[in-house]
Amino acid sequence: MPDVISSRAVIDVVAPAPFMCEDTDVQLAAIRAPDIGAGGDPRTHYLGQAADGGFFMRGCSSGVPAASDPATVASSPCGAADWG
């Protein structure tokens, strides 16, 4: 039976607030590329979550592939429903 293995890291977004999900996706792709290039499992999916304290970032993905493509990264807001 397949396993789902998850991990997390807290990384500051390099774009100034209020940043957009596209900014987060670009940064995620830049983090993913060397991880996979250094021998990471190419099936690894990357999802960025931005705390919504202070402003609300809409979620998006770097693409909508027809078949599973772990190189497609995505980002979403998280936190309280009142934006902080």
PDB file of N, CA and C in Angstrom:
ATOM      1  N   MET A   1       0.844  -1.167   0.000  1.00  0.00           N
ATOM      2  CA  MET A   1       0.000   0.000   0.000  1.00  0.00           C
ATOM      3  C   MET A   1       0.900   1.245   0.000  1.00  0.00           C
ATOM      4  N   PRO A   2       0.603   2.226  -0.844  1.00  0.00           N
ATOM      5  CA  PRO A   2       1.424   3.432  -0.901  1.00  0.00           C
ATOM      6  C   PRO A   2       1.339   4.242   0.391  1.00  0.00           C
ATOM      7  N   ASP A   3       2.390   4.926   0.689  1.00  0.00           N
ATOM      8  CA  ASP A   3       2.438   5.788   1.866  1.00  0.00           C
ATOM      9  C   ASP A   3       2.434   7.248   1.432  1.00  0.00           C
ATOM     10  N   VAL A   4       1.879   8.084   2.268  1.00  0.00           N
ATOM     11  CA  VAL A   4       1.989   9.523   2.100  1.00  0.00           C
ATOM     12  C   VAL A   4       2.932  10.002   3.189  1.00  0.00           C
ATOM     13  N   ILE A   5       4.010  10.604   2.779  1.00  0.00           N
ATOM     14  CA  ILE A   5       5.001  11.124   3.714  1.00  0.00           C
ATOM     15  C   ILE A   5       4.965  12.642   3.591  1.00  0.00           C
ATOM     16  N   SER A   6       4.795  13.318   4.684  1.00  0.00           N
ATOM     17  CA  SER A   6       4.740  14.772   4.630  1.00  0.00           C
ATOM     18  C   SER A   6       5.819  15.383   5.510  1.00  0.00           C
ATOM     19  N   SER A   7       6.217  16.564   5.139  1.00  0.00           N
ATOM     20  CA  SER A   7       7.155  17.335   5.945  1.00  0.00           C
ATOM     21  C   SER A   7       6.818  18.806   5.737  1.00  0.00           C
ATOM     22  N   ARG A   8       7.374  19.633   6.563  1.00  0.00           N
ATOM     23  CA  ARG A   8       7.117  21.054   6.412  1.00  0.00           C
ATOM     24  C   ARG A   8       8.356  21.846   6.775  1.00  0.00           C
ATOM     25  N   ALA A   9       8.432  23.016   6.215  1.00  0.00           N
ATOM     26  CA  ALA A   9       9.489  23.961   6.531  1.00  0.00           C
ATOM     27  C   ALA A   9       8.870  25.348   6.520  1.00  0.00           C
ATOM     28  N   VAL A  10       9.319  26.197   7.389  1.00  0.00           N
ATOM     29  CA  VAL A  10       8.846  27.577   7.419  1.00  0.00           C
ATOM     30  C   VAL A  10       9.901  28.427   6.732  1.00  0.00           C
ATOM     31  N   ILE A  11       9.486  29.083   5.668  1.00  0.00           N
ATOM     32  CA  ILE A  11      10.395  29.903   4.869  1.00  0.00           C
ATOM     33  C   ILE A  11       9.721  31.240   4.618  1.00  0.00           C
ATOM     34  N   ASP A  12      10.428  32.318   4.831  1.00  0.00           N
ATOM     35  CA  ASP A  12       9.871  33.641   4.563  1.00  0.00           C
ATOM     36  C   ASP A  12       9.747  33.865   3.062  1.00  0.00           C
ATOM     37  N   VAL A  13       8.646  34.455   2.669  1.00  0.00           N
ATOM     38  CA  VAL A  13       8.461  34.819   1.263  1.00  0.00           C
ATOM     39  C   VAL A  13       9.377  36.000   0.967  1.00  0.00           C
ATOM     40  N   VAL A  14      10.031  35.967  -0.178  1.00  0.00           N
ATOM     41  CA  VAL A  14      10.956  37.048  -0.499  1.00  0.00           C
ATOM     42  C   VAL A  14      10.253  38.269  -1.079  1.00  0.00           C
ATOM     43  N   ALA A  15       9.043  38.107  -1.602  1.00  0.00           N
ATOM     44  CA  ALA A  15       8.288  39.235  -2.149  1.00  0.00           C
ATOM     45  C   ALA A  15       7.721  40.068  -0.997  1.00  0.00           C
ATOM     46  N   PRO A  16       7.649  41.387  -1.178  1.00  0.00           N
ATOM     47  CA  PRO A  16       7.079  42.216  -0.112  1.00  0.00           C
ATOM     48  C   PRO A  16       5.563  42.042  -0.026  1.00  0.00           C
ATOM     49  N   ALA A  17       5.024  42.172   1.175  1.00  0.00           N
ATOM     50  CA  ALA A  17       3.568  42.100   1.377  1.00  0.00           C
ATOM     51  C   ALA A  17       2.922  43.364   0.811  1.00  0.00           C
ATOM     52  N   PRO A  18       1.753  43.276   0.280  1.00  0.00           N
ATOM     53  CA  PRO A  18       0.950  42.075   0.101  1.00  0.00           C
ATOM     54  C   PRO A  18       1.354  41.343  -1.185  1.00  0.00           C
ATOM     55  N   PHE A  19       1.955  40.183  -1.034  1.00  0.00           N
ATOM     56  CA  PHE A  19       2.387  39.408  -2.189  1.00  0.00           C
ATOM     57  C   PHE A  19       1.230  38.591  -2.741  1.00  0.00           C
ATOM     58  N   MET A  20       1.412  38.102  -3.947  1.00  0.00           N
ATOM     59  CA  MET A  20       0.379  37.314  -4.633  1.00  0.00           C
ATOM     60  C   MET A  20       0.793  35.844  -4.641  1.00  0.00           C
ATOM     61  N   CYS A  21      -0.155  34.960  -4.900  1.00  0.00           N
ATOM     62  CA  CYS A  21       0.152  33.531  -4.933  1.00  0.00           C
ATOM     63  C   CYS A  21       1.171  33.213  -6.025  1.00  0.00           C
ATOM     64  N   GLU A  22       1.174  33.960  -7.114  1.00  0.00           N
ATOM     65  CA  GLU A  22       2.164  33.727  -8.164  1.00  0.00           C
ATOM     66  C   GLU A  22       3.587  33.962  -7.645  1.00  0.00           C
ATOM     67  N   ASP A  23       3.757  34.944  -6.758  1.00  0.00           N
ATOM     68  CA  ASP A  23       5.070  35.189  -6.144  1.00  0.00           C
ATOM     69  C   ASP A  23       5.505  33.979  -5.323  1.00  0.00           C
ATOM     70  N   THR A  24       4.566  33.424  -4.570  1.00  0.00           N
ATOM     71  CA  THR A  24       4.853  32.253  -3.747  1.00  0.00           C
ATOM     72  C   THR A  24       5.182  31.047  -4.624  1.00  0.00           C
ATOM     73  N   ASP A  25       4.426  30.865  -5.709  1.00  0.00           N
ATOM     74  CA  ASP A  25       4.671  29.729  -6.607  1.00  0.00           C
ATOM     75  C   ASP A  25       6.048  29.812  -7.262  1.00  0.00           C
ATOM     76  N   VAL A  26       6.467  30.991  -7.652  1.00  0.00           N
ATOM     77  CA  VAL A  26       7.802  31.158  -8.242  1.00  0.00           C
ATOM     78  C   VAL A  26       8.876  30.778  -7.230  1.00  0.00           C
ATOM     79  N   GLN A  27       8.709  31.211  -5.986  1.00  0.00           N
ATOM     80  CA  GLN A  27       9.674  30.884  -4.948  1.00  0.00           C
ATOM     81  C   GLN A  27       9.670  29.384  -4.658  1.00  0.00           C
ATOM     82  N   LEU A  28       8.490  28.767  -4.619  1.00  0.00           N
ATOM     83  CA  LEU A  28       8.410  27.321  -4.393  1.00  0.00           C
ATOM     84  C   LEU A  28       9.123  26.540  -5.489  1.00  0.00           C
ATOM     85  N   ALA A  29       8.891  26.936  -6.742  1.00  0.00           N
ATOM     86  CA  ALA A  29       9.547  26.255  -7.863  1.00  0.00           C
ATOM     87  C   ALA A  29      11.064  26.397  -7.766  1.00  0.00           C
ATOM     88  N   ALA A  30      11.525  27.568  -7.320  1.00  0.00           N
ATOM     89  CA  ALA A  30      12.962  27.790  -7.162  1.00  0.00           C
ATOM     90  C   ALA A  30      13.546  26.959  -6.021  1.00  0.00           C
ATOM     91  N   ILE A  31      12.747  26.636  -5.025  1.00  0.00           N
ATOM     92  CA  ILE A  31      13.188  25.776  -3.922  1.00  0.00           C
ATOM     93  C   ILE A  31      13.152  24.318  -4.356  1.00  0.00           C
ATOM     94  N   ARG A  32      12.112  23.937  -5.099  1.00  0.00           N
ATOM     95  CA  ARG A  32      11.923  22.548  -5.511  1.00  0.00           C
ATOM     96  C   ARG A  32      13.023  22.084  -6.465  1.00  0.00           C
ATOM     97  N   ALA A  33      13.398  22.908  -7.419  1.00  0.00           N
ATOM     98  CA  ALA A  33      14.355  22.497  -8.453  1.00  0.00           C
ATOM     99  C   ALA A  33      15.664  21.958  -7.871  1.00  0.00           C
ATOM    100  N   PRO A  34      16.357  22.680  -6.983  1.00  0.00           N
ATOM    101  CA  PRO A  34      17.601  22.119  -6.444  1.00  0.00           C
ATOM    102  C   PRO A  34      17.372  20.929  -5.512  1.00  0.00           C
ATOM    103  N   ASP A  35      16.222  20.897  -4.819  1.00  0.00           N
ATOM    104  CA  ASP A  35      15.916  19.741  -3.971  1.00  0.00           C
ATOM    105  C   ASP A  35      15.854  18.471  -4.816  1.00  0.00           C
ATOM    106  N   ILE A  36      15.136  18.522  -5.922  1.00  0.00           N
ATOM    107  CA  ILE A  36      15.001  17.366  -6.806  1.00  0.00           C
ATOM    108  C   ILE A  36      16.323  17.099  -7.506  1.00  0.00           C
ATOM    109  N   GLY A  37      17.019  18.147  -7.932  1.00  0.00           N
ATOM    110  CA  GLY A  37      18.320  18.003  -8.578  1.00  0.00           C
ATOM    111  C   GLY A  37      19.364  17.356  -7.686  1.00  0.00           C
ATOM    112  N   ALA A  38      19.202  17.500  -6.378  1.00  0.00           N
ATOM    113  CA  ALA A  38      20.154  16.918  -5.426  1.00  0.00           C
ATOM    114  C   ALA A  38      19.763  15.499  -5.024  1.00  0.00           C
ATOM    115  N   GLY A  39      18.799  14.928  -5.738  1.00  0.00           N
ATOM    116  CA  GLY A  39      18.445  13.545  -5.472  1.00  0.00           C
ATOM    117  C   GLY A  39      17.127  13.345  -4.755  1.00  0.00           C
ATOM    118  N   GLY A  40      16.369  14.416  -4.559  1.00  0.00           N
ATOM    119  CA  GLY A  40      15.059  14.275  -3.924  1.00  0.00           C
ATOM    120  C   GLY A  40      14.106  13.488  -4.809  1.00  0.00           C
ATOM    121  N   ASP A  41      13.107  12.903  -4.221  1.00  0.00           N
ATOM    122  CA  ASP A  41      12.126  12.108  -4.953  1.00  0.00           C
ATOM    123  C   ASP A  41      11.350  13.012  -5.912  1.00  0.00           C
ATOM    124  N   PRO A  42      11.414  12.753  -7.216  1.00  0.00           N
ATOM    125  CA  PRO A  42      10.736  13.628  -8.179  1.00  0.00           C
ATOM    126  C   PRO A  42       9.208  13.581  -8.079  1.00  0.00           C
ATOM    127  N   ARG A  43       8.680  12.655  -7.294  1.00  0.00           N
ATOM    128  CA  ARG A  43       7.225  12.597  -7.084  1.00  0.00           C
ATOM    129  C   ARG A  43       6.767  13.552  -5.989  1.00  0.00           C
ATOM    130  N   THR A  44       7.705  14.258  -5.368  1.00  0.00           N
ATOM    131  CA  THR A  44       7.389  15.164  -4.267  1.00  0.00           C
ATOM    132  C   THR A  44       6.612  16.376  -4.770  1.00  0.00           C
ATOM    133  N   HIS A  45       5.506  16.658  -4.107  1.00  0.00           N
ATOM    134  CA  HIS A  45       4.675  17.827  -4.421  1.00  0.00           C
ATOM    135  C   HIS A  45       4.985  18.940  -3.423  1.00  0.00           C
ATOM    136  N   TYR A  46       4.967  20.173  -3.890  1.00  0.00           N
ATOM    137  CA  TYR A  46       5.226  21.330  -3.034  1.00  0.00           C
ATOM    138  C   TYR A  46       3.981  22.214  -2.975  1.00  0.00           C
ATOM    139  N   LEU A  47       3.550  22.532  -1.761  1.00  0.00           N
ATOM    140  CA  LEU A  47       2.426  23.431  -1.524  1.00  0.00           C
ATOM    141  C   LEU A  47       2.865  24.470  -0.508  1.00  0.00           C
ATOM    142  N   GLY A  48       2.710  25.720  -0.858  1.00  0.00           N
ATOM    143  CA  GLY A  48       3.023  26.806   0.059  1.00  0.00           C
ATOM    144  C   GLY A  48       1.758  27.327   0.694  1.00  0.00           C
ATOM    145  N   GLN A  49       1.783  27.578   1.992  1.00  0.00           N
ATOM    146  CA  GLN A  49       0.640  28.164   2.676  1.00  0.00           C
ATOM    147  C   GLN A  49       1.086  29.458   3.327  1.00  0.00           C
ATOM    148  N   ALA A  50       0.345  30.519   3.037  1.00  0.00           N
ATOM    149  CA  ALA A  50       0.665  31.840   3.571  1.00  0.00           C
ATOM    150  C   ALA A  50      -0.326  32.202   4.662  1.00  0.00           C
ATOM    151  N   ALA A  51       0.182  32.524   5.835  1.00  0.00           N
ATOM    152  CA  ALA A  51      -0.681  32.964   6.932  1.00  0.00           C
ATOM    153  C   ALA A  51      -1.402  34.234   6.509  1.00  0.00           C
ATOM    154  N   ASP A  52      -2.687  34.302   6.808  1.00  0.00           N
ATOM    155  CA  ASP A  52      -3.473  35.449   6.355  1.00  0.00           C
ATOM    156  C   ASP A  52      -3.548  36.570   7.390  1.00  0.00           C
ATOM    157  N   GLY A  53      -2.537  36.696   8.227  1.00  0.00           N
ATOM    158  CA  GLY A  53      -2.493  37.784   9.193  1.00  0.00           C
ATOM    159  C   GLY A  53      -2.107  39.095   8.527  1.00  0.00           C
ATOM    160  N   GLY A  54      -3.040  40.009   8.397  1.00  0.00           N
ATOM    161  CA  GLY A  54      -2.733  41.316   7.833  1.00  0.00           C
ATOM    162  C   GLY A  54      -3.269  41.529   6.432  1.00  0.00           C
ATOM    163  N   PHE A  55      -3.282  40.492   5.604  1.00  0.00           N
ATOM    164  CA  PHE A  55      -3.855  40.586   4.265  1.00  0.00           C
ATOM    165  C   PHE A  55      -4.203  39.181   3.805  1.00  0.00           C
ATOM    166  N   PHE A  56      -4.986  39.092   2.747  1.00  0.00           N
ATOM    167  CA  PHE A  56      -5.438  37.795   2.248  1.00  0.00           C
ATOM    168  C   PHE A  56      -4.807  37.514   0.898  1.00  0.00           C
ATOM    169  N   MET A  57      -4.074  36.418   0.800  1.00  0.00           N
ATOM    170  CA  MET A  57      -3.491  35.982  -0.469  1.00  0.00           C
ATOM    171  C   MET A  57      -4.385  34.888  -1.043  1.00  0.00           C
ATOM    172  N   ARG A  58      -4.891  35.076  -2.217  1.00  0.00           N
ATOM    173  CA  ARG A  58      -5.659  34.012  -2.877  1.00  0.00           C
ATOM    174  C   ARG A  58      -4.720  32.873  -3.237  1.00  0.00           C
ATOM    175  N   GLY A  59      -5.247  31.673  -3.338  1.00  0.00           N
ATOM    176  CA  GLY A  59      -4.461  30.519  -3.732  1.00  0.00           C
ATOM    177  C   GLY A  59      -4.425  30.361  -5.243  1.00  0.00           C
ATOM    178  N   CYS A  60      -3.413  29.692  -5.741  1.00  0.00           N
ATOM    179  CA  CYS A  60      -3.307  29.388  -7.164  1.00  0.00           C
ATOM    180  C   CYS A  60      -2.241  28.317  -7.359  1.00  0.00           C
ATOM    181  N   SER A  61      -2.127  27.814  -8.570  1.00  0.00           N
ATOM    182  CA  SER A  61      -1.079  26.860  -8.893  1.00  0.00           C
ATOM    183  C   SER A  61      -0.300  27.377 -10.095  1.00  0.00           C
ATOM    184  N   SER A  62       0.879  26.819 -10.291  1.00  0.00           N
ATOM    185  CA  SER A  62       1.716  27.256 -11.407  1.00  0.00           C
ATOM    186  C   SER A  62       1.246  26.679 -12.728  1.00  0.00           C
ATOM    187  N   GLY A  63       0.252  25.818 -12.689  1.00  0.00           N
ATOM    188  CA  GLY A  63      -0.300  25.243 -13.908  1.00  0.00           C
ATOM    189  C   GLY A  63      -1.419  24.280 -13.575  1.00  0.00           C
ATOM    190  N   VAL A  64      -2.068  23.793 -14.617  1.00  0.00           N
ATOM    191  CA  VAL A  64      -3.119  22.792 -14.466  1.00  0.00           C
ATOM    192  C   VAL A  64      -2.797  21.670 -15.452  1.00  0.00           C
ATOM    193  N   PRO A  65      -1.937  20.734 -15.045  1.00  0.00           N
ATOM    194  CA  PRO A  65      -1.518  19.680 -15.959  1.00  0.00           C
ATOM    195  C   PRO A  65      -2.637  18.677 -16.228  1.00  0.00           C
ATOM    196  N   ALA A  66      -2.606  18.089 -17.422  1.00  0.00           N
ATOM    197  CA  ALA A  66      -3.607  17.076 -17.788  1.00  0.00           C
ATOM    198  C   ALA A  66      -3.380  15.778 -17.020  1.00  0.00           C
ATOM    199  N   ALA A  67      -2.143  15.506 -16.656  1.00  0.00           N
ATOM    200  CA  ALA A  67      -1.787  14.321 -15.871  1.00  0.00           C
ATOM    201  C   ALA A  67      -0.979  14.790 -14.670  1.00  0.00           C
ATOM    202  N   SER A  68      -0.853  13.930 -13.682  1.00  0.00           N
ATOM    203  CA  SER A  68      -0.108  14.282 -12.482  1.00  0.00           C
ATOM    204  C   SER A  68       1.287  14.799 -12.828  1.00  0.00           C
ATOM    205  N   ASP A  69       1.628  15.952 -12.299  1.00  0.00           N
ATOM    206  CA  ASP A  69       2.936  16.562 -12.541  1.00  0.00           C
ATOM    207  C   ASP A  69       3.411  17.233 -11.263  1.00  0.00           C
ATOM    208  N   PRO A  70       4.236  16.535 -10.452  1.00  0.00           N
ATOM    209  CA  PRO A  70       4.708  17.110  -9.195  1.00  0.00           C
ATOM    210  C   PRO A  70       5.502  18.400  -9.357  1.00  0.00           C
ATOM    211  N   ALA A  71       5.980  18.695 -10.570  1.00  0.00           N
ATOM    212  CA  ALA A  71       6.707  19.942 -10.779  1.00  0.00           C
ATOM    213  C   ALA A  71       5.769  21.150 -10.733  1.00  0.00           C
ATOM    214  N   THR A  72       4.461  20.907 -10.825  1.00  0.00           N
ATOM    215  CA  THR A  72       3.487  21.983 -10.692  1.00  0.00           C
ATOM    216  C   THR A  72       3.322  22.280  -9.214  1.00  0.00           C
ATOM    217  N   VAL A  73       3.676  23.489  -8.805  1.00  0.00           N
ATOM    218  CA  VAL A  73       3.574  23.881  -7.399  1.00  0.00           C
ATOM    219  C   VAL A  73       2.301  24.687  -7.194  1.00  0.00           C
ATOM    220  N   ALA A  74       1.888  24.822  -5.946  1.00  0.00           N
ATOM    221  CA  ALA A  74       0.674  25.573  -5.631  1.00  0.00           C
ATOM    222  C   ALA A  74       0.828  26.272  -4.288  1.00  0.00           C
ATOM    223  N   SER A  75      -0.014  27.268  -4.069  1.00  0.00           N
ATOM    224  CA  SER A  75       0.010  27.988  -2.798  1.00  0.00           C
ATOM    225  C   SER A  75      -1.424  28.328  -2.402  1.00  0.00           C
ATOM    226  N   SER A  76      -1.618  28.485  -1.094  1.00  0.00           N
ATOM    227  CA  SER A  76      -2.947  28.788  -0.578  1.00  0.00           C
ATOM    228  C   SER A  76      -2.827  29.601   0.707  1.00  0.00           C
ATOM    229  N   PRO A  77      -3.900  30.303   1.064  1.00  0.00           N
ATOM    230  CA  PRO A  77      -3.911  31.007   2.340  1.00  0.00           C
ATOM    231  C   PRO A  77      -4.226  30.017   3.463  1.00  0.00           C
ATOM    232  N   CYS A  78      -3.861  30.369   4.668  1.00  0.00           N
ATOM    233  CA  CYS A  78      -4.233  29.583   5.838  1.00  0.00           C
ATOM    234  C   CYS A  78      -4.323  30.509   7.037  1.00  0.00           C
ATOM    235  N   GLY A  79      -5.057  30.089   8.011  1.00  0.00           N
ATOM    236  CA  GLY A  79      -5.198  30.887   9.224  1.00  0.00           C
ATOM    237  C   GLY A  79      -6.646  31.161   9.534  1.00  0.00           C
ATOM    238  N   ALA A  80      -6.872  32.143  10.385  1.00  0.00           N
ATOM    239  CA  ALA A  80      -8.222  32.499  10.805  1.00  0.00           C
ATOM    240  C   ALA A  80      -9.016  33.066   9.633  1.00  0.00           C
ATOM    241  N   ALA A  81     -10.308  32.892   9.658  1.00  0.00           N
ATOM    242  CA  ALA A  81     -11.167  33.382   8.580  1.00  0.00           C
ATOM    243  C   ALA A  81     -11.317  34.901   8.592  1.00  0.00           C
ATOM    244  N   ASP A  82     -10.769  35.566   9.596  1.00  0.00           N
ATOM    245  CA  ASP A  82     -10.919  37.028   9.682  1.00  0.00           C
ATOM    246  C   ASP A  82      -9.665  37.775   9.221  1.00  0.00           C
ATOM    247  N   TRP A  83      -8.750  37.095   8.528  1.00  0.00           N
ATOM    248  CA  TRP A  83      -7.524  37.658   7.977  1.00  0.00           C
ATOM    249  C   TRP A  83      -6.618  38.246   9.051  1.00  0.00           C
ATOM    250  N   GLY A  84      -6.540  37.578  10.176  1.00  0.00           N
ATOM    251  CA  GLY A  84      -5.596  37.980  11.193  1.00  0.00           C
ATOM    252  C   GLY A  84      -6.223  38.550  12.404  1.00  0.00           C
TER     253      GLY A  84
END
